[in-house]
Structures are given as structure tokens and as C-alpha cells.
């Protein structure tokens, strides 16, 4: 087997392997995205539950405070009328079927759910008695409501206390309470999904668990969120179970693996049969590119040499060779299109004297500045060149004799009025000019 064939096989295997590896990375990326999606979904559910429970807690607190405020505004209501007035104020208290006034002992007015009547007031007062002095002090000074949950007779209870006043004096508390299970079941009824297990914790103790706690859950998947309302601090814990993963997971990662494997095999076959022709194409293209680069480089060097051969190195104007080519072009235009052109031959007067008295550097300085004056005195389409020594030649395309004479006079006056400062000396010079116009009719000088 030839070395090129071995290289083809190696490259084919490498390409197919790269596809498989890429597929594995893609699969891993999809699994990561899927995991992120599952976590975001679970987190969204937890946020929804937290919002619902927080809303109902606030609604419950506001409801009790509204009844207390109504008591405070009325300044005291007879016991028989108060119960009816409370029911008129509150139509539905979450987790409660009805409102009842049980007793006014210990300066407490009671609102209790009908299904919680078995929680006797007498037993409940024993717990209140342990806190009543503290509650009176706090409520009198801060005038704040209290929301708490606690275990009472093996039943988790949620209770709300709001201070009430009579004749602007603290007169006790309005107390509302309900079973925790009744309160949360009422909120979650109809929205709790069977693919989650939801728990409510207080002081790291579970005080409520959803009905789906017995379904097998997945380890290392747990989401928590805090609920705080006045003195109440709860932690919501949501754990997805296997039903959630079966329902929300996507088959796409498995399909990607299958697709990548088949694609890798096809790529191996295609590359193996195409590799040698591709290598030849690359080699031919490489040689063509090298040849094109050489031609381009040669062309660039040729253009630079042509430009140098047509440019005066001192003044950077066209030299005699360059201006003769331009004269030839204008002559061709004259013959073909009958477009006249003019030329101005300029000669610096007594230039040798400048060199003899001030040195050749001074002469070069004057030549450079005269070239600038000439360039600034003509149009952009006109061409200024150094004809030789102190002589300059200007070509004026599409210009007649009269126009050329005006340009020449403008140049003569500019040179005559110019002062050239060199090495602390002020040098002046004049220029003589000759003008000629070329046309098919005649040549005018």
C-alpha cells in the first residue's frame, strides 16, 4: 500500500473520529442545556408556588388588619353585633369556611375556621398566656401585626394577631388561626403537579408536605426559596421526581448520537475516495498561487521601476522621459479628437550665479520650492515636469494659446515676487517662459 493511500486512510479515520467526537461534545452540550432547562422549569414552579403562598399570606394579614381597623374606627362594637360585622367585612378567609366570635377573655377577639372549632379556646389560651405580656408590649409600642405558625396538639397552626384599640388605648388583639394543612391545600388545590414534591419548613422542621411525597425522587435535585412575612419565616423546598424527568426530558440527545455515528461512517467513505484528487487539486492550486504571487510581485516591481525612471528625484516632478510620454499622449489626442494643447517652457534666469555664490544646496532648495510654486499655479489635469537643470516644462491639455499665456504670466509674477530664505539669506530669482499651442490648424508660439 502506497504512502499516499496510508495517509488517505489516516486522514479519513481522523475525520470520521472528529465527527464522532464533535457529536459527543454536541450531545454533552444538549444534555447540559436540557439540565439547565429542567432546573429553570423547576425553579419557575417554585417561584410560582412562592408567589401564590406569599400573596395569600399577605391577603390573610390584610384581611385581619381590615377587621381590626374596622373595630378601631367604630371604637368598640357590642359583642353580638361585632360577629356579624366581621362576617360582613370578610367574605372568604383562605382555608376557612366561616368566621366566629368565640370569646373576649384576656382582651382577645377570635376568628376561627369552622373546621378548627375542635381546637378549644381554653387550651389555646394556655399558649397565649405565655406570650401575652410580650405581645402587648410589642404591639403597644410598634403597633405591628404578628404572623406565626406553631405546633398545637399535633396540629400545625397558622395564626395572625393584629392589635385593636378602644378610645385610642390598646385593648388587645384580633386573633385569626387555621390549620396549616387546610391553608396550603386550599392555595395549591388544582395547580399542584404530580411530578414535584413540595415541602414547607420552619426552623429546619417540615411543617407541610404535598400529597406526592411518596413518589421516588431524583438525588441532588432540590430547590429552596424563602418566604418572610413579619415574624413568619418559611422555607419552600421543591424536589422533582422521576415523573418530571420522564415528562420533560427530550429524545434529541439520543438522536444526535445516532446521527453522528452514521454521519461519521459516511464521511469516512467519502473522504477516502476523494482524498487523492483533493490532494492533487490542492497541489495544483498551490503552484498556481505561487506563480500568481510571483507575477504580481514582478508587476509591482516593474511599476515601481517605471515610476522611478519617470520621476525627478529632487523635485519629485516628472522627468524628461515622463513628460515626453505625456506629450506623445496629447499629440495622439490632438490627431484623433482635434483637441488642442499648450506647453510652457520655463527657464530660471542666472541660476548658475545662485549656485556659484550660495552653493549647490541653495540651488537645490530653490528648484524644490519653484517646483511647488509651479504645481500650485496650474490645474490638477496639467502636468509640471523638470526638463533638465533649471528648466521646467508644463503641459496644459485642452488649453489654447491665450489661456496658456495667462498661466505663464501668473507663474512669472509668482516667481518674481517670491523670496527664498536659505541659511539666513533671502534669495530672489526670475524666470523666462515660452508658450506654444499645438492644434491641427497651426502651431502658435
Protein backbone atom coordinates (compact mmCIF):
# COMPACT_ATOMS: atom_id res chain seq x y z
CA UNK A 1 0.00 0.00 0.00
CA UNK A 2 1.43 3.35 -1.03
CA UNK A 3 2.25 6.02 1.50
CA UNK A 4 -0.35 8.35 -0.04
CA UNK A 5 -3.02 5.69 0.43
CA UNK A 6 -1.96 5.22 4.05
CA UNK A 7 -2.19 8.97 4.56
CA UNK A 8 -5.64 8.93 3.00
CA UNK A 9 -6.79 6.21 5.37
CA UNK A 10 -5.34 8.01 8.38
CA UNK A 11 -6.99 11.27 7.36
CA UNK A 12 -10.30 9.51 6.73
CA UNK A 13 -10.23 7.83 10.14
CA UNK A 14 -9.24 11.12 11.76
CA UNK A 15 -12.09 12.98 10.03
CA UNK A 16 -14.65 10.35 11.00
CA UNK A 17 -13.30 10.33 14.54
CA UNK A 18 -13.54 14.10 14.68
CA UNK A 19 -17.20 13.90 13.67
CA UNK A 20 -17.87 11.33 16.39
CA UNK A 21 -16.04 13.42 18.99
CA UNK A 22 -17.90 16.53 17.85
CA UNK A 23 -21.14 14.59 18.16
CA UNK A 24 -20.23 13.58 21.70
CA UNK A 25 -19.48 17.20 22.58
CA UNK A 26 -22.77 18.23 20.99
CA UNK A 27 -24.57 15.52 22.94
CA UNK A 28 -22.92 16.74 26.13
CA UNK A 29 -23.91 20.31 25.29
CA UNK A 30 -27.51 19.27 24.66
CA UNK A 31 -27.59 17.35 27.93
CA UNK A 32 -26.22 20.43 29.69
CA UNK A 33 -28.86 22.62 28.05
CA UNK A 34 -31.55 20.09 28.94
CA UNK A 35 -30.38 20.02 32.55
CA UNK A 36 -30.43 23.82 32.60
CA UNK A 37 -33.95 23.82 31.14
CA UNK A 38 -35.15 21.27 33.71
CA UNK A 39 -33.69 23.30 36.56
CA UNK A 40 -35.21 26.52 35.21
CA UNK A 41 -38.59 24.79 34.88
CA UNK A 42 -38.41 23.52 38.46
CA UNK A 43 -37.26 26.94 39.66
CA UNK A 44 -40.16 28.62 37.84
CA UNK A 45 -42.60 26.27 39.55
CA UNK A 46 -41.05 27.06 42.91
CA UNK A 47 -41.29 30.80 42.23
CA UNK A 48 -44.94 30.34 41.25
CA UNK A 49 -45.70 28.49 44.48
CA UNK A 50 -43.79 31.06 46.50
CA UNK A 51 -45.76 33.86 44.85
CA UNK A 52 -49.11 32.20 45.49
CA UNK A 53 -48.36 31.40 49.12
CA UNK A 54 -46.88 34.86 49.79
CA UNK A 55 -49.89 36.51 48.15
CA UNK A 56 -52.33 34.51 50.26
CA UNK A 57 -50.36 35.20 53.44
CA UNK A 58 -50.40 38.92 52.72
CA UNK A 59 -54.09 38.74 51.82
CA UNK A 60 -54.80 36.95 55.11
CA UNK A 61 -52.82 39.53 57.08
CA UNK A 62 -54.55 42.42 55.28
CA UNK A 63 -57.94 40.83 55.91
CA UNK A 64 -57.36 40.54 59.65
CA UNK A 65 -55.94 44.07 59.76
CA UNK A 66 -59.01 45.37 57.91
CA UNK A 67 -61.30 43.83 60.54
CA UNK A 68 -59.11 45.27 63.29
CA UNK A 69 -59.20 48.67 61.60
CA UNK A 70 -62.97 48.46 61.37
CA UNK A 71 -63.10 47.78 65.10
CA UNK A 72 -60.78 50.69 65.76
CA UNK A 73 -62.84 53.06 63.58
CA UNK A 74 -66.12 52.06 65.24
CA UNK A 75 -64.49 52.49 68.64
CA UNK A 76 -65.98 49.32 70.04
CA UNK A 77 -68.93 47.22 68.93
CA UNK A 78 -71.33 45.18 71.10
CA UNK A 79 -70.36 41.52 71.13
CA UNK A 80 -73.44 40.28 69.26
CA UNK A 81 -73.11 42.93 66.56
CA UNK A 82 -69.34 42.52 66.23
CA UNK A 83 -69.52 38.97 64.94
CA UNK A 84 -71.99 39.92 62.20
CA UNK A 85 -69.95 43.00 61.35
CA UNK A 86 -66.80 40.88 60.97
CA UNK A 87 -68.51 38.46 58.62
CA UNK A 88 -69.77 41.35 56.50
CA UNK A 89 -66.25 42.75 56.30
CA UNK A 90 -64.66 39.43 55.22
CA UNK A 91 -66.41 37.21 52.70
CA UNK A 92 -63.77 34.49 52.37
CA UNK A 93 -60.79 33.87 54.61
CA UNK A 94 -58.37 31.45 52.88
CA UNK A 95 -58.74 27.98 54.39
CA UNK A 96 -61.82 28.97 56.43
CA UNK A 97 -65.45 28.24 55.75
CA UNK A 98 -66.90 30.77 58.18
CA UNK A 99 -65.97 33.32 60.84
CA UNK A 100 -66.95 33.03 64.50
CA UNK A 101 -66.52 35.17 67.58
CA UNK A 102 -65.71 32.73 70.38
CA UNK A 103 -64.73 34.75 73.39
CA UNK A 104 -63.46 38.10 74.63
CA UNK A 105 -61.46 36.86 77.57
CA UNK A 106 -57.89 38.13 78.00
CA UNK A 107 -58.69 41.04 75.66
CA UNK A 108 -58.69 38.72 72.62
CA UNK A 109 -61.28 38.62 69.84
CA UNK A 110 -61.27 35.41 67.82
CA UNK A 111 -61.75 34.49 64.19
CA UNK A 112 -61.53 30.75 63.61
CA UNK A 113 -62.39 28.36 60.78
CA UNK A 114 -65.44 26.20 61.27
CA UNK A 115 -63.38 23.04 60.81
CA UNK A 116 -60.97 24.19 63.54
CA UNK A 117 -63.55 24.54 66.34
CA UNK A 118 -62.16 21.38 67.94
CA UNK A 119 -59.03 23.42 68.76
CA UNK A 120 -60.52 24.61 72.01
CA UNK A 121 -60.09 28.19 73.10
CA UNK A 122 -59.30 27.07 76.61
CA UNK A 123 -56.26 25.03 75.51
CA UNK A 124 -55.16 27.67 73.06
CA UNK A 125 -55.24 30.34 75.77
CA UNK A 126 -52.58 28.42 77.69
CA UNK A 127 -50.15 29.08 74.87
CA UNK A 128 -51.27 32.69 74.51
CA UNK A 129 -50.84 33.24 78.25
CA UNK A 130 -47.11 32.53 77.95
CA UNK A 131 -46.71 35.32 75.36
CA UNK A 132 -49.46 37.81 76.14
CA UNK A 133 -47.33 40.26 78.14
CA UNK A 134 -44.64 40.34 75.47
CA UNK A 135 -47.23 40.66 72.71
CA UNK A 136 -48.93 43.54 74.49
CA UNK A 137 -45.63 45.38 74.89
CA UNK A 138 -44.55 44.87 71.29
CA UNK A 139 -47.91 45.70 69.81
CA UNK A 140 -48.39 48.75 72.02
CA UNK A 141 -45.01 50.23 71.15
CA UNK A 142 -44.70 49.24 67.50
CA UNK A 143 -48.37 48.75 66.66
CA UNK A 144 -47.44 45.84 64.41
CA UNK A 145 -49.29 42.69 63.48
CA UNK A 146 -47.83 39.22 64.13
CA UNK A 147 -47.86 36.21 61.81
CA UNK A 148 -46.59 32.86 63.13
CA UNK A 149 -47.07 29.12 62.78
CA UNK A 150 -46.61 26.56 65.56
CA UNK A 151 -47.45 23.00 66.56
CA UNK A 152 -50.51 22.69 68.78
CA UNK A 153 -51.93 19.31 69.87
CA UNK A 154 -50.06 17.57 66.98
CA UNK A 155 -51.62 20.06 64.55
CA UNK A 156 -49.63 22.71 62.72
CA UNK A 157 -51.47 26.03 63.13
CA UNK A 158 -51.12 29.36 61.29
CA UNK A 159 -52.23 32.37 63.34
CA UNK A 160 -52.40 36.12 62.77
CA UNK A 161 -52.64 38.76 65.51
CA UNK A 162 -53.49 42.41 64.87
CA UNK A 163 -53.68 44.99 67.69
CA UNK A 164 -57.00 46.73 68.33
CA UNK A 165 -57.67 49.90 70.26
CA UNK A 166 -60.59 51.38 72.16
CA UNK A 167 -60.68 55.12 72.83
CA UNK A 168 -57.12 55.33 71.41
CA UNK A 169 -55.91 52.87 74.06
CA UNK A 170 -54.53 49.41 73.35
CA UNK A 171 -57.37 47.00 74.03
CA UNK A 172 -55.96 43.64 72.99
CA UNK A 173 -55.63 41.57 69.80
CA UNK A 174 -57.76 40.36 66.98
CA UNK A 175 -56.69 36.70 66.56
CA UNK A 176 -57.32 34.53 63.49
CA UNK A 177 -55.99 31.00 63.07
CA UNK A 178 -56.36 27.98 60.83
CA UNK A 179 -54.81 24.56 60.30
CA UNK A 180 -51.67 24.78 58.15
CA UNK A 181 -52.79 21.85 56.01
CA UNK A 182 -56.15 23.48 55.28
CA UNK A 183 -54.49 26.79 54.46
CA UNK A 184 -51.91 25.40 51.99
CA UNK A 185 -54.17 22.75 50.43
CA UNK A 186 -56.66 25.49 49.60
CA UNK A 187 -53.92 27.53 47.84
CA UNK A 188 -52.38 24.62 45.93
CA UNK A 189 -55.67 22.96 45.00
CA UNK A 190 -55.78 22.39 41.23
CA UNK A 191 -52.24 23.64 40.48
CA UNK A 192 -50.00 21.18 42.33
CA UNK A 193 -48.36 18.81 39.83
CA UNK A 194 -47.69 15.14 40.48
CA UNK A 195 -44.11 15.45 39.19
CA UNK A 196 -42.97 17.60 42.14
CA UNK A 197 -42.76 17.14 45.88
CA UNK A 198 -43.30 20.41 47.77
CA UNK A 199 -42.44 20.89 51.44
CA UNK A 200 -42.69 23.85 53.81
CA UNK A 201 -40.04 24.08 56.52
CA UNK A 202 -39.82 26.26 59.60
CA UNK A 203 -36.65 26.22 61.70
CA UNK A 204 -35.47 23.27 59.55
CA UNK A 205 -38.55 21.26 60.56
CA UNK A 206 -41.07 20.11 57.92
CA UNK A 207 -44.46 21.62 58.75
CA UNK A 208 -46.20 20.73 55.49
CA UNK A 209 -45.67 18.13 52.75
CA UNK A 210 -47.55 17.74 49.44
CA UNK A 211 -49.55 14.63 48.64
CA UNK A 212 -46.92 13.36 46.15
CA UNK A 213 -44.09 12.89 48.66
CA UNK A 214 -44.19 9.10 48.27
CA UNK A 215 -43.16 9.15 44.54
CA UNK A 216 -39.48 8.26 44.01
CA UNK A 217 -37.42 11.42 43.61
CA UNK A 218 -34.01 12.07 42.00
CA UNK A 219 -30.99 12.69 44.19
CA UNK A 220 -29.10 16.00 44.14
CA UNK A 221 -32.13 17.85 42.75
CA UNK A 222 -33.61 20.22 45.30
CA UNK A 223 -34.70 23.86 45.07
CA UNK A 224 -35.44 26.15 48.01
CA UNK A 225 -36.87 29.65 48.38
CA UNK A 226 -37.51 31.77 51.45
CA UNK A 227 -40.84 33.32 52.46
CA UNK A 228 -40.74 36.07 55.08
CA UNK A 229 -43.74 37.99 56.41
CA UNK A 230 -43.29 39.89 59.66
CA UNK A 231 -42.30 37.24 62.26
CA UNK A 232 -43.05 34.33 59.92
CA UNK A 233 -40.06 32.72 58.19
CA UNK A 234 -40.71 29.72 55.96
CA UNK A 235 -38.52 27.78 53.56
CA UNK A 236 -40.14 26.22 50.49
CA UNK A 237 -38.40 23.07 49.25
CA UNK A 238 -39.27 21.63 45.83
CA UNK A 239 -37.87 18.28 44.64
CA UNK A 240 -38.67 16.92 41.14
CA UNK A 241 -39.45 13.22 40.99
CA UNK A 242 -38.97 10.69 38.19
CA UNK A 243 -42.30 11.58 36.61
CA UNK A 244 -40.93 15.08 35.98
CA UNK A 245 -37.83 13.80 34.17
CA UNK A 246 -39.82 11.30 32.11
CA UNK A 247 -42.21 14.05 31.01
CA UNK A 248 -39.79 16.95 30.44
CA UNK A 249 -36.69 15.17 29.05
CA UNK A 250 -36.05 15.38 25.29
CA UNK A 251 -35.11 12.45 22.99
CA UNK A 252 -32.87 14.80 20.98
CA UNK A 253 -29.52 13.82 22.62
CA UNK A 254 -30.03 10.12 21.70
CA UNK A 255 -30.97 11.09 18.14
CA UNK A 256 -27.83 13.22 17.92
CA UNK A 257 -25.66 10.25 18.94
CA UNK A 258 -27.22 8.02 16.25
CA UNK A 259 -26.97 10.73 13.63
CA UNK A 260 -23.33 11.44 14.48
CA UNK A 261 -22.34 7.78 14.22
CA UNK A 262 -23.95 7.32 10.80
CA UNK A 263 -22.51 10.62 9.59
CA UNK A 264 -19.02 9.61 10.74
CA UNK A 265 -19.18 6.40 8.67
CA UNK A 266 -20.39 8.26 5.58
CA UNK A 267 -17.70 10.90 5.95
CA UNK A 268 -15.02 8.21 6.21
CA UNK A 269 -16.18 6.62 2.92
CA UNK A 270 -16.48 9.92 1.06
CA UNK A 271 -13.13 11.29 2.24
CA UNK A 272 -11.30 8.05 1.48
CA UNK A 273 -12.33 8.10 -2.20
CA UNK A 274 -11.94 11.87 -2.59
CA UNK A 275 -8.70 12.47 -0.73
CA UNK A 276 -6.20 11.85 -3.55
CA UNK A 277 -7.99 14.00 -6.13
CA UNK A 278 -8.34 16.68 -3.49
CA UNK A 279 -4.60 16.49 -2.76
CA UNK A 280 -3.82 16.93 -6.44
CA UNK A 281 -6.16 19.91 -6.65
CA UNK A 282 -4.50 21.48 -3.64
CA UNK A 283 -1.05 20.95 -5.15
CA UNK A 284 -2.07 22.49 -8.48
CA UNK A 285 -3.73 25.40 -6.71
CA UNK A 286 -0.65 25.94 -4.58
CA UNK A 287 1.58 26.12 -7.66
CA UNK A 288 -0.85 28.49 -9.39
CA UNK A 289 -0.96 30.71 -6.32
CA UNK A 290 2.83 30.75 -6.15
CA UNK A 291 3.04 31.65 -9.83
CA UNK A 292 0.38 34.36 -9.47
CA UNK A 293 2.19 35.80 -6.47
CA UNK A 294 5.45 35.85 -8.40
CA UNK A 295 3.78 37.57 -11.36
CA UNK A 296 2.11 40.11 -9.06
CA UNK A 297 5.37 40.83 -7.28
CA UNK A 298 7.20 41.21 -10.60
CA UNK A 299 4.47 43.51 -11.88
CA UNK A 300 4.68 45.62 -8.75
CA UNK A 301 8.46 45.92 -9.01
CA UNK A 302 8.19 46.80 -12.70
CA UNK A 303 5.65 49.53 -11.95
CA UNK A 304 7.86 50.94 -9.21
CA UNK A 305 10.88 50.96 -11.53
CA UNK A 306 8.84 52.63 -14.27
CA UNK A 307 7.67 55.27 -11.81
CA UNK A 308 11.24 55.87 -10.63
CA UNK A 309 12.53 56.11 -14.19
CA UNK A 310 9.91 58.79 -14.96
CA UNK A 311 10.35 60.88 -11.78
CA UNK A 312 12.92 63.54 -10.95
CA UNK A 313 14.40 62.55 -7.55
CA UNK A 314 14.95 66.14 -6.36
CA UNK A 315 11.63 67.84 -7.16
CA UNK A 316 9.52 64.66 -7.44
CA UNK A 317 8.15 66.04 -10.72
CA UNK A 318 8.07 64.07 -13.96
CA UNK A 319 11.47 63.94 -15.65
CA UNK A 320 12.20 64.34 -19.37
CA UNK A 321 11.26 60.72 -20.12
CA UNK A 322 7.95 61.00 -18.28
CA UNK A 323 6.95 64.29 -19.91
CA UNK A 324 7.78 63.03 -23.40
CA UNK A 325 5.32 60.15 -22.90
CA UNK A 326 2.65 62.63 -21.84
CA UNK A 327 3.44 64.87 -24.82
CA UNK A 328 3.01 61.86 -27.08
CA UNK A 329 -0.39 61.09 -25.49
CA UNK A 330 -1.56 64.68 -26.01
CA UNK A 331 -0.36 64.57 -29.63
CA UNK A 332 -2.40 61.40 -30.22
CA UNK A 333 -5.48 63.05 -28.72
CA UNK A 334 -4.91 66.06 -30.98
CA UNK A 335 -4.81 63.89 -34.09
CA UNK A 336 -7.78 61.74 -33.19
CA UNK A 337 -10.15 64.15 -31.44
CA UNK A 338 -8.80 67.54 -32.65
CA UNK A 339 -8.22 68.65 -29.06
CA UNK A 340 -5.56 71.35 -28.85
CA UNK A 341 -3.00 71.57 -26.05
CA UNK A 342 -0.35 74.05 -24.99
CA UNK A 343 3.11 73.83 -23.45
CA UNK A 344 5.12 76.31 -21.38
CA UNK A 345 8.91 76.02 -21.21
CA UNK A 346 10.28 77.76 -18.08
CA UNK A 347 13.93 78.70 -17.50
CA UNK A 348 15.32 80.22 -14.28
CA UNK A 349 17.41 83.31 -15.07
CA UNK A 350 21.07 83.34 -13.97
CA UNK A 351 20.64 80.12 -11.97
CA UNK A 352 24.36 79.32 -12.29
CA UNK A 353 25.12 82.51 -10.37
CA UNK A 354 22.96 81.28 -7.48
CA UNK A 355 24.94 78.04 -7.34
CA UNK A 356 28.29 79.81 -7.59
CA UNK A 357 27.56 82.38 -4.88
CA UNK A 358 25.49 80.30 -2.43
CA UNK A 359 26.37 76.69 -3.17
CA UNK A 360 24.50 73.84 -4.82
CA UNK A 361 22.38 73.22 -1.71
CA UNK A 362 20.88 76.67 -2.14
CA UNK A 363 20.26 75.92 -5.80
CA UNK A 364 18.53 72.65 -4.95
CA UNK A 365 16.42 74.48 -2.34
CA UNK A 366 15.26 76.99 -4.96
CA UNK A 367 14.49 74.23 -7.50
CA UNK A 368 12.30 72.36 -4.98
CA UNK A 369 10.35 75.50 -4.00
CA UNK A 370 9.98 76.66 -7.61
CA UNK A 371 8.51 73.23 -8.40
CA UNK A 372 5.94 73.75 -5.61
CA UNK A 373 5.03 77.20 -6.99
CA UNK A 374 4.57 75.75 -10.49
CA UNK A 375 2.36 72.90 -9.19
CA UNK A 376 0.24 75.36 -7.24
CA UNK A 377 -0.24 77.65 -10.25
CA UNK A 378 -1.82 75.13 -12.66
CA UNK A 379 -4.87 72.86 -12.80
CA UNK A 380 -4.99 69.30 -11.49
CA UNK A 381 -5.10 67.96 -15.08
CA UNK A 382 -1.98 69.93 -16.06
CA UNK A 383 1.44 68.31 -15.78
CA UNK A 384 4.58 70.03 -14.47
CA UNK A 385 7.92 68.34 -15.19
CA UNK A 386 11.61 69.10 -14.82
CA UNK A 387 13.00 69.29 -18.34
CA UNK A 388 16.61 69.46 -17.20
CA UNK A 389 18.89 71.58 -14.98
CA UNK A 390 16.96 74.79 -14.21
CA UNK A 391 14.37 74.22 -16.96
CA UNK A 392 10.77 73.12 -16.40
CA UNK A 393 8.10 72.08 -18.93
CA UNK A 394 4.38 72.44 -18.31
CA UNK A 395 1.75 70.64 -20.43
CA UNK A 396 -1.73 72.22 -20.47
CA UNK A 397 -4.30 69.79 -22.00
CA UNK A 398 -7.35 71.30 -23.75
CA UNK A 399 -5.87 74.80 -23.49
CA UNK A 400 -5.37 77.43 -26.22
CA UNK A 401 -2.59 79.95 -26.67
CA UNK A 402 -4.27 82.83 -24.82
CA UNK A 403 -5.08 80.69 -21.80
CA UNK A 404 -1.52 79.35 -21.72
CA UNK A 405 -0.09 82.88 -21.88
CA UNK A 406 -2.17 83.91 -18.86
CA UNK A 407 -0.90 80.91 -16.92
CA UNK A 408 2.67 81.73 -17.92
CA UNK A 409 2.33 85.34 -16.79
CA UNK A 410 0.85 84.18 -13.48
CA UNK A 411 3.83 81.87 -12.94
CA UNK A 412 6.38 84.53 -13.90
CA UNK A 413 4.86 87.04 -11.47
CA UNK A 414 4.73 84.48 -8.64
CA UNK A 415 8.40 83.55 -9.07
CA UNK A 416 9.47 87.19 -9.29
CA UNK A 417 7.62 88.13 -6.08
CA UNK A 418 8.84 85.12 -4.10
CA UNK A 419 11.63 85.33 -1.52
CA UNK A 420 13.54 82.13 -0.77
CA UNK A 421 15.04 82.03 2.73
CA UNK A 422 18.06 79.75 2.87
CA UNK A 423 20.70 79.61 5.61
CA UNK A 424 19.75 83.07 6.85
CA UNK A 425 19.84 84.60 3.37
CA UNK A 426 16.98 85.99 1.34
CA UNK A 427 17.37 84.82 -2.25
CA UNK A 428 15.36 86.05 -5.21
CA UNK A 429 15.23 84.83 -8.79
CA UNK A 430 13.31 85.44 -12.00
CA UNK A 431 12.08 83.15 -14.72
CA UNK A 432 11.74 83.33 -18.50
CA UNK A 433 8.91 81.44 -20.17
CA UNK A 434 8.00 80.39 -23.70
CA UNK A 435 4.47 79.34 -24.69
CA UNK A 436 3.39 77.19 -27.63
CA UNK A 437 -0.04 75.89 -28.66
CA UNK A 438 -0.44 72.74 -30.77
CA UNK A 439 -3.56 72.26 -32.91
CA UNK A 440 -4.44 70.70 -36.28
CA UNK A 441 -4.82 74.16 -37.77
CA UNK A 442 -1.44 75.58 -36.86
CA UNK A 443 1.23 75.77 -34.20
CA UNK A 444 1.34 79.13 -32.43
CA UNK A 445 4.32 80.32 -30.36
